[in-house]
């Protein structure tokens, strides 16, 4: 889990999409995910990632593992 995701824990969000495949732009390959991932409405990466030297400007959805979520 990325540090920026903790602020959303304990809150309710709508599932936008269930993700079973990811595209690696660097390798130009499609991969099947090992476990189901979820994209939640409005939860987009802010670009602040510790391992990046500069802020990312891509605005990607954050991916959530099923075991991290509670179904209501």
Foldseek 3Di string as FASTA:
>chain_A
DFPVCVVCPPHDFAWPDKDQWDADPVVRDIDGDPAIKTFTPPAWDPQDGPVDPDGDDPGHTDIHGPVSDDDD
